[in-house]
Amino acid sequence: MGLVANTLQRLHEEGEITTQDVVRVVHTHARTVERWRNGDTEPQQGKKEQLLILSAVVTQARRHMDREQAWAWLHSPNPYLDNAIPIDVLAHDYNRVLNALAAEAEGVYV
C-alpha cells in the first residue's frame, strides 16, 4: 500500500477523519477517496499534498487533545478562525488552522 492509502487508512481507523471529511478538504467524490484508501488509484499531486496537510493537522491536534477532542475541534466553529470550521478552512488556508491550533494549545484566548 502506498503513502496515501496508508495515511487514509490510519486516519479512518483512528476515527478522527471520515471519507466525507476528506471530500470536504480535497473537493472530490467519496468513491474517489475510497479508491485511494484501497490503493486502487493515487490522487494528483495537489490533492495528495492536501491529504498530507490534513494528516499533519490531525497529528498536531492529537499532541494536545484526545481523539474525541481533536474531532470536535476540527468540526466546530472556532473563534481563532472567525468562527469558521477548521476542517473547511484547511482546503484554502492550512496555516491559519495550524496557528489556531497552536494558540489553542498555548491557552491563548480570543
C-alpha atoms as a PDB file:
ATOM      1  CA  MET A   1       0.000   0.000   0.000  1.00  0.00           C
ATOM      2  CA  GLY A   2       1.234   3.481  -0.831  1.00  0.00           C
ATOM      3  CA  LEU A   3       1.612   6.592   1.279  1.00  0.00           C
ATOM      4  CA  VAL A   4      -1.855   7.955   0.510  1.00  0.00           C
ATOM      5  CA  ALA A   5      -3.619   4.645   1.143  1.00  0.00           C
ATOM      6  CA  ASN A   6      -1.757   4.166   4.430  1.00  0.00           C
ATOM      7  CA  THR A   7      -2.478   7.734   5.537  1.00  0.00           C
ATOM      8  CA  LEU A   8      -6.189   7.467   4.755  1.00  0.00           C
ATOM      9  CA  GLN A   9      -6.430   4.053   6.382  1.00  0.00           C
ATOM     10  CA  ARG A  10      -4.744   5.335   9.554  1.00  0.00           C
ATOM     11  CA  LEU A  11      -6.957   8.419   9.776  1.00  0.00           C
ATOM     12  CA  HIS A  12     -10.055   6.303   9.196  1.00  0.00           C
ATOM     13  CA  GLU A  13      -9.117   3.607  11.716  1.00  0.00           C
ATOM     14  CA  GLU A  14      -8.208   6.131  14.392  1.00  0.00           C
ATOM     15  CA  GLY A  15     -11.611   7.717  13.954  1.00  0.00           C
ATOM     16  CA  GLU A  16     -10.631  11.355  13.502  1.00  0.00           C
ATOM     17  CA  ILE A  17     -11.336  11.680   9.797  1.00  0.00           C
ATOM     18  CA  THR A  18     -14.150  10.214   7.721  1.00  0.00           C
ATOM     19  CA  THR A  19     -14.430   9.862   3.983  1.00  0.00           C
ATOM     20  CA  GLN A  20     -16.767  12.872   3.993  1.00  0.00           C
ATOM     21  CA  ASP A  21     -14.105  14.932   5.799  1.00  0.00           C
ATOM     22  CA  VAL A  22     -11.600  14.102   3.068  1.00  0.00           C
ATOM     23  CA  VAL A  23     -14.198  15.028   0.441  1.00  0.00           C
ATOM     24  CA  ARG A  24     -14.633  18.421   2.172  1.00  0.00           C
ATOM     25  CA  VAL A  25     -10.913  19.152   2.270  1.00  0.00           C
ATOM     26  CA  VAL A  26      -9.851  17.779  -1.116  1.00  0.00           C
ATOM     27  CA  HIS A  27     -13.043  18.581  -3.067  1.00  0.00           C
ATOM     28  CA  THR A  28     -13.529  15.217  -4.700  1.00  0.00           C
ATOM     29  CA  HIS A  29     -16.068  12.371  -4.624  1.00  0.00           C
ATOM     30  CA  ALA A  30     -16.435   9.819  -1.838  1.00  0.00           C
ATOM     31  CA  ARG A  31     -15.878   6.948  -4.274  1.00  0.00           C
ATOM     32  CA  THR A  32     -12.578   8.507  -5.341  1.00  0.00           C
ATOM     33  CA  VAL A  33     -11.446   8.681  -1.704  1.00  0.00           C
ATOM     34  CA  GLU A  34     -12.392   5.019  -1.253  1.00  0.00           C
ATOM     35  CA  ARG A  35     -10.307   4.074  -4.307  1.00  0.00           C
ATOM     36  CA  TRP A  36      -7.351   5.991  -2.860  1.00  0.00           C
ATOM     37  CA  ARG A  37      -7.780   4.285   0.540  1.00  0.00           C
ATOM     38  CA  ASN A  38      -7.953   0.856  -1.139  1.00  0.00           C
ATOM     39  CA  GLY A  39      -4.804   1.608  -3.119  1.00  0.00           C
ATOM     40  CA  ASP A  40      -6.629   1.278  -6.452  1.00  0.00           C
ATOM     41  CA  THR A  41      -5.555   4.738  -7.634  1.00  0.00           C
ATOM     42  CA  GLU A  42      -3.385   7.636  -6.495  1.00  0.00           C
ATOM     43  CA  PRO A  43      -4.504  11.264  -6.301  1.00  0.00           C
ATOM     44  CA  GLN A  44      -2.964  14.015  -8.367  1.00  0.00           C
ATOM     45  CA  GLN A  45      -0.084  15.855  -6.691  1.00  0.00           C
ATOM     46  CA  GLY A  46      -2.180  18.787  -5.403  1.00  0.00           C
ATOM     47  CA  LYS A  47      -4.756  16.510  -3.803  1.00  0.00           C
ATOM     48  CA  LYS A  48      -2.011  14.343  -2.334  1.00  0.00           C
ATOM     49  CA  GLU A  49      -0.490  17.432  -0.721  1.00  0.00           C
ATOM     50  CA  GLN A  50      -3.881  18.394   0.735  1.00  0.00           C
ATOM     51  CA  LEU A  51      -4.229  14.918   2.246  1.00  0.00           C
ATOM     52  CA  LEU A  52      -0.780  15.142   3.818  1.00  0.00           C
ATOM     53  CA  ILE A  53      -1.641  18.572   5.233  1.00  0.00           C
ATOM     54  CA  LEU A  54      -4.850  17.135   6.698  1.00  0.00           C
ATOM     55  CA  SER A  55      -2.847  14.321   8.258  1.00  0.00           C
ATOM     56  CA  ALA A  56      -0.316  16.774   9.713  1.00  0.00           C
ATOM     57  CA  VAL A  57      -3.073  18.901  11.261  1.00  0.00           C
ATOM     58  CA  VAL A  58      -4.709  15.835  12.806  1.00  0.00           C
ATOM     59  CA  THR A  59      -1.340  14.701  14.172  1.00  0.00           C
ATOM     60  CA  GLN A  60      -0.734  18.154  15.662  1.00  0.00           C
ATOM     61  CA  ALA A  61      -4.201  18.220  17.212  1.00  0.00           C
ATOM     62  CA  ARG A  62      -3.638  14.802  18.799  1.00  0.00           C
ATOM     63  CA  ARG A  63      -0.495  16.096  20.502  1.00  0.00           C
ATOM     64  CA  HIS A  64      -2.712  18.360  22.620  1.00  0.00           C
ATOM     65  CA  MET A  65      -6.085  16.587  22.650  1.00  0.00           C
ATOM     66  CA  ASP A  66      -7.548  13.135  22.841  1.00  0.00           C
ATOM     67  CA  ARG A  67      -9.308  11.660  19.806  1.00  0.00           C
ATOM     68  CA  GLU A  68     -12.759  12.976  20.695  1.00  0.00           C
ATOM     69  CA  GLN A  69     -11.496  16.476  21.465  1.00  0.00           C
ATOM     70  CA  ALA A  70      -9.489  16.585  18.230  1.00  0.00           C
ATOM     71  CA  TRP A  71     -12.530  15.528  16.205  1.00  0.00           C
ATOM     72  CA  ALA A  72     -14.704  18.156  17.917  1.00  0.00           C
ATOM     73  CA  TRP A  73     -12.052  20.854  17.421  1.00  0.00           C
ATOM     74  CA  LEU A  74     -11.793  20.095  13.698  1.00  0.00           C
ATOM     75  CA  HIS A  75     -15.581  20.148  13.226  1.00  0.00           C
ATOM     76  CA  SER A  76     -16.700  23.075  15.409  1.00  0.00           C
ATOM     77  CA  PRO A  77     -16.777  26.831  14.789  1.00  0.00           C
ATOM     78  CA  ASN A  78     -13.500  28.258  16.039  1.00  0.00           C
ATOM     79  CA  PRO A  79     -13.038  31.800  17.387  1.00  0.00           C
ATOM     80  CA  TYR A  80      -9.419  31.857  16.153  1.00  0.00           C
ATOM     81  CA  LEU A  81     -10.773  31.367  12.620  1.00  0.00           C
ATOM     82  CA  ASP A  82     -13.551  33.963  12.847  1.00  0.00           C
ATOM     83  CA  ASN A  83     -15.898  31.118  13.805  1.00  0.00           C
ATOM     84  CA  ALA A  84     -15.169  29.150  10.650  1.00  0.00           C
ATOM     85  CA  ILE A  85     -14.883  25.373  10.966  1.00  0.00           C
ATOM     86  CA  PRO A  86     -11.221  24.254  10.846  1.00  0.00           C
ATOM     87  CA  ILE A  87     -11.769  21.316   8.501  1.00  0.00           C
ATOM     88  CA  ASP A  88     -13.385  23.677   5.983  1.00  0.00           C
ATOM     89  CA  VAL A  89     -10.586  26.251   6.268  1.00  0.00           C
ATOM     90  CA  LEU A  90      -7.918  23.586   5.696  1.00  0.00           C
ATOM     91  CA  ALA A  91      -8.608  23.416   1.979  1.00  0.00           C
ATOM     92  CA  HIS A  92      -7.563  27.008   1.336  1.00  0.00           C
ATOM     93  CA  ASP A  93      -5.548  28.225   4.347  1.00  0.00           C
ATOM     94  CA  TYR A  94      -3.954  25.476   6.389  1.00  0.00           C
ATOM     95  CA  ASN A  95      -1.522  27.910   8.051  1.00  0.00           C
ATOM     96  CA  ARG A  96      -4.458  29.675   9.734  1.00  0.00           C
ATOM     97  CA  VAL A  97      -5.648  26.306  11.041  1.00  0.00           C
ATOM     98  CA  LEU A  98      -2.199  25.435  12.374  1.00  0.00           C
ATOM     99  CA  ASN A  99      -1.917  28.872  14.009  1.00  0.00           C
ATOM    100  CA  ALA A 100      -5.356  28.462  15.598  1.00  0.00           C
ATOM    101  CA  LEU A 101      -4.350  25.034  16.865  1.00  0.00           C
ATOM    102  CA  ALA A 102      -1.113  26.415  18.313  1.00  0.00           C
ATOM    103  CA  ALA A 103      -2.988  29.251  20.029  1.00  0.00           C
ATOM    104  CA  GLU A 104      -5.454  26.765  21.473  1.00  0.00           C
ATOM    105  CA  ALA A 105      -2.642  24.542  22.736  1.00  0.00           C
ATOM    106  CA  GLU A 106      -0.879  27.520  24.335  1.00  0.00           C
ATOM    107  CA  GLY A 107      -4.067  28.597  26.053  1.00  0.00           C
ATOM    108  CA  VAL A 108      -4.350  31.921  24.248  1.00  0.00           C
ATOM    109  CA  TYR A 109      -7.936  33.161  24.492  1.00  0.00           C
ATOM    110  CA  VAL A 110      -9.692  35.356  21.985  1.00  0.00           C
END
